Structures are given as C-alpha cells and as structure tokens.
Protein backbone atom coordinates (compact mmCIF):
# COMPACT_ATOMS: atom_id res chain seq x y z
CA MET A 1 91.35 86.95 191.32
CA SER A 2 89.42 89.72 190.51
CA LEU A 3 91.51 90.72 187.80
CA ALA A 4 90.73 87.60 186.55
CA THR A 5 86.89 87.74 187.55
CA ILE A 6 86.71 91.32 185.49
CA ALA A 7 88.89 89.61 182.48
CA THR A 8 86.12 86.46 181.98
CA ALA A 9 83.33 88.91 182.27
CA TRP A 10 84.80 91.57 179.53
CA CYS A 11 85.81 88.49 177.57
CA ALA A 12 82.15 87.00 177.31
CA TYR A 13 81.36 90.27 176.77
CA GLN A 14 83.51 90.87 173.80
CA ALA A 15 82.36 87.33 172.46
CA ALA A 16 78.66 88.14 173.10
CA GLN A 17 79.28 91.26 170.54
CA TRP A 18 81.18 89.96 168.33
CA ASP A 19 78.87 87.39 167.43
CA GLY A 20 76.13 90.19 167.00
CA GLU A 21 78.04 91.59 164.86
CA GLN A 22 78.52 88.29 162.83
CA ALA A 23 74.56 88.18 162.85
CA PHE A 24 74.41 91.18 161.68
CA LEU A 25 77.07 90.93 158.44
CA LEU A 26 74.96 87.14 157.77
CA ASN A 27 71.85 88.69 157.45
CA GLU A 28 73.92 91.09 155.10
CA SER A 29 75.11 88.59 153.30
CA SER A 30 71.34 86.59 153.37
CA ALA A 31 70.00 89.93 151.76
CA ALA A 32 72.49 90.64 149.22
CA GLY A 33 72.23 86.67 147.91
CA ARG A 34 68.24 87.37 147.63
CA GLN A 35 69.03 90.30 145.41
CA ALA A 36 71.49 88.60 143.35
CA THR A 37 69.55 85.82 142.33
CA LEU A 38 66.69 88.36 141.66
CA TRP A 39 68.58 90.35 139.14
CA SER A 40 69.79 86.85 137.90
CA SER A 41 66.42 85.73 137.46
CA LEU A 42 65.79 88.83 135.53
CA ALA A 43 68.86 88.50 133.32
CA ASN A 44 67.49 85.09 132.43
CA GLN A 45 64.17 86.50 131.60
CA ARG A 46 65.24 89.30 129.18
CA ARG A 47 67.67 86.25 127.90
CA MET A 48 64.16 84.24 127.07
CA MET A 49 62.42 87.22 125.80
CA ASP A 50 65.68 88.19 123.78
CA GLY A 51 65.40 84.78 122.36
CA VAL A 52 62.11 84.36 121.36
CA ILE A 53 61.99 87.95 119.67
CA PHE A 54 65.46 86.98 117.53
CA MET A 55 63.96 83.66 116.63
CA ASN A 56 60.97 85.42 115.80
CA TRP A 57 63.01 88.06 113.53
CA VAL A 58 64.68 85.00 112.05
CA GLY A 59 62.07 83.54 111.17
CA ALA A 60 59.96 86.48 109.73
CA VAL A 61 63.18 87.20 107.48
CA GLY A 62 63.59 83.60 106.33
CA ALA A 63 59.82 83.76 105.53
CA ALA A 64 60.86 87.03 103.34
CA ASN A 65 58.60 88.48 105.90
CA ASP A 66 59.51 92.14 106.00
CA SER A 67 56.97 94.08 108.05
CA LEU A 68 56.97 91.00 110.20
CA ALA A 69 60.49 91.11 110.53
CA ASP A 70 60.26 95.10 110.67
CA PHE A 71 58.07 94.44 113.85
CA TYR A 72 60.40 92.06 115.41
CA GLU A 73 63.29 94.21 115.08
CA GLN A 74 61.66 97.69 116.42
CA ARG A 75 61.75 95.05 119.60
CA PHE A 76 65.23 94.38 120.02
CA ARG A 77 66.47 95.96 122.90
CA ALA A 78 69.77 97.68 122.63
CA GLU A 79 71.61 95.33 123.71
CA LEU A 80 70.64 93.07 121.30
CA GLU A 81 70.62 94.92 118.47
CA VAL A 82 74.09 95.64 118.68
CA ALA A 83 74.54 91.97 119.00
CA VAL A 84 73.07 90.77 116.31
CA ASP A 85 74.59 93.96 114.27
CA ALA A 86 77.57 92.17 115.13
CA TRP A 87 76.88 88.56 114.54
CA LEU A 88 75.36 89.70 110.40
CA ALA A 89 78.64 91.24 110.67
CA THR A 90 80.07 87.96 110.50
CA ASP A 91 77.97 86.63 107.34
CA PRO A 92 76.47 83.52 109.52
CA LEU A 93 75.02 82.40 105.91
CA ASP A 94 78.27 82.12 104.40
CA ASN A 95 80.97 81.93 106.72
CA PRO A 96 81.15 78.56 108.51
CA ASP A 97 83.41 80.32 111.17
CA ALA A 98 80.76 82.38 112.03
CA PRO A 99 79.12 82.38 115.77
CA PRO A 100 75.70 80.33 115.63
CA HIS A 101 73.84 83.14 117.04
CA PRO A 102 74.27 86.63 118.47
CA PHE A 103 73.71 85.13 122.14
CA VAL A 104 77.25 83.65 122.70
CA MET A 105 79.02 86.96 121.17
CA GLU A 106 80.87 88.98 123.53
CA ASP A 107 78.67 92.34 122.25
CA TYR A 108 75.76 90.59 123.67
CA ARG A 109 74.96 91.99 127.45
CA ILE A 110 72.70 92.40 129.87
CA SER A 111 72.90 94.76 132.44
CA GLU A 112 71.06 92.48 134.90
CA ASP A 113 73.64 89.97 135.15
CA THR A 114 76.22 92.81 135.88
CA VAL A 115 74.15 94.05 138.67
CA ALA A 116 73.35 90.31 139.79
CA ALA A 117 77.15 89.73 140.24
CA ARG A 118 77.90 92.72 142.55
CA HIS A 119 75.69 91.63 144.47
CA ALA A 120 76.84 88.24 144.60
CA ASP A 121 80.41 89.43 144.87
CA GLU A 122 78.89 91.62 148.04
CA ALA A 123 77.22 88.23 149.56
CA ALA A 124 80.15 86.66 149.59
CA ALA A 125 82.32 89.50 150.49
CA ARG A 126 79.61 89.70 154.03
CA VAL A 127 80.28 85.94 154.45
CA LEU A 128 84.11 86.34 154.55
CA ALA A 129 83.81 89.25 157.03
CA ALA A 130 81.02 87.01 159.38
CA ARG A 131 83.73 84.42 159.63
CA GLN A 132 86.47 87.02 160.59
CA VAL A 133 84.34 87.64 163.09
CA ASP A 134 83.28 84.46 164.57
CA GLY A 135 86.91 83.75 164.46
CA HIS A 136 87.37 86.47 167.21
CA SER A 137 84.11 85.73 168.95
CA ASP A 138 85.77 82.26 169.58
CA GLU A 139 89.39 83.49 170.55
CA TYR A 140 87.26 85.33 173.01
CA VAL A 141 85.52 82.29 174.38
CA LEU A 142 88.41 80.52 173.98
CA LEU A 143 90.22 83.44 176.53
CA THR A 144 86.92 83.41 178.74
CA VAL A 145 87.72 79.35 179.66
CA VAL A 146 91.56 80.33 180.56
CA PHE A 147 90.39 83.19 182.77
CA ALA A 148 87.97 80.98 184.32
CA SER A 149 91.09 78.78 185.02
CA VAL A 150 92.56 81.30 186.68
CA LEU A 151 89.82 81.37 189.10
CA PHE A 152 89.87 77.72 189.42
CA PHE A 153 93.46 77.73 190.53
CA GLY A 154 93.12 80.68 192.88
CA GLY A 155 90.11 78.96 194.32
CA ILE A 156 91.96 75.94 194.94
CA GLY A 157 94.87 76.51 195.91
CA THR A 158 93.97 77.91 198.68
CA LYS A 159 92.35 74.67 200.16
CA PHE A 160 95.95 72.63 200.55
CA SER A 161 97.43 73.02 203.72
CA SER A 162 101.10 72.45 202.13
CA ALA A 163 102.85 75.81 201.63
CA GLN A 164 104.68 74.54 198.68
CA VAL A 165 101.52 73.27 196.65
CA ARG A 166 99.82 76.32 197.34
CA LYS A 167 102.33 78.33 196.00
CA THR A 168 102.74 76.21 193.07
CA ILE A 169 99.16 76.28 192.11
CA LEU A 170 98.94 79.87 193.10
CA GLY A 171 101.92 80.37 190.93
CA PHE A 172 100.70 78.55 187.52
CA GLY A 173 97.71 80.21 188.08
CA THR A 174 99.50 84.18 187.74
CA LEU A 175 101.07 82.50 184.92
CA ILE A 176 98.23 81.98 183.05
CA LEU A 177 96.46 85.24 184.22
CA VAL A 178 99.41 86.95 182.86
CA SER A 179 99.70 85.33 179.75
CA ALA A 180 96.19 85.64 178.97
CA ALA A 181 95.90 89.16 180.09
CA ALA A 182 99.21 89.78 177.06
CA ALA A 183 97.10 88.13 174.61
CA LEU A 184 94.31 89.92 175.15
CA LEU A 185 95.75 93.38 174.55
CA THR A 186 96.17 91.98 171.21
CA PHE A 187 92.69 91.13 170.06
CA PRO A 188 90.78 93.42 168.60
CA VAL A 189 87.82 95.34 170.66
CA SER A 190 84.13 95.30 169.13
CA HIS A 191 82.03 98.85 170.17
CA GLY A 192 78.98 96.39 168.63
C-alpha cells in the first residue's frame, strides 16, 4: 500500500506539472496570436494606404496632371512600385485579360503579412503542444485514480473475515498496482 501511496502522490504531482506546462504554452499561444493580429492590422493599414495612393495616382494620370502623378508615384512603397510596374507591363488599358489592378498580382506583397502568418503559425503550434501536454496531464490524473483504487482495495480487503475474500481482493489490488506501475513507466516525466 505504501507503493500505491507514493505512486498516487507522484502521479498527482506530475499532473500538476503538466498542467503548469500547458498554462505556459497557452499563454505563449495567446501572445503569438496577439502579435499575429497586430501585424495583420499593420498589413491592412499598408494595403489601405497603398490603395489610396494608387487611386490618387490613377486619378492624376487620368487627368494628365504629371506633377501630381509624380508626387504620388514618389510615395509608392517599393513593393507597390514593383506591383504597379508589373501591372502596367500587362497593358491594362488595351489588354482585356490584364488584371483589374496591381493588388491582385503576385508581385504585390506586404511584408507584414509574412510576419503575421509566422506569428499565427507559432500560436497554432503552441496550442497543439498544449493539447499534447494536456493529454499527459489527463493520463497522470487517470493513474492517480487507479493507484487510489489500489489503496481502497488494500484497505477494504482487511475488513473481510473470509481469508479467501481477503486474498482475492488483495490479489486484485496487487494486479491493478502492477499494471498501473507498468503503465507509469511508459509515461513522460515533466521536469517543469
């Protein structure tokens, strides 16, 4: 029974350790998710500003106001300039198959989108890791209950007057103890 008591305490301790690791992973996931949202918002702001500058440039070009068109073109971000040049190369005024604008072309990129995606991937990875850690915690909780049942059988077995009943109950408890101890040896240990 003392082995079952020690094993019960160990399993409860490990379950708590894994729960702590899960909490840290979920916090890290949340932080990465906030970063993904921040960078995604920054990317959307860039996209809007690019759209405003591009539309004003188109208006200035359409009005044949070269100085105003140059003014807006000088404010193109490098990524926007590359996309506009690629779009103009498709001859959008005469080519009916040309993209409607440069923002749908592969040449148009926003670096903040890449950063946002990296943080979103990190958040997803942390959630996955937290789920795995939660599984370890659940396994240890289950073994805690199993070892506690060994204590129950060990305690109740002594209360029967029949030697055959006592041996059967104690034998059943011993079988559970050995099986649970074998399972325990296969479980990962948290050093948290």
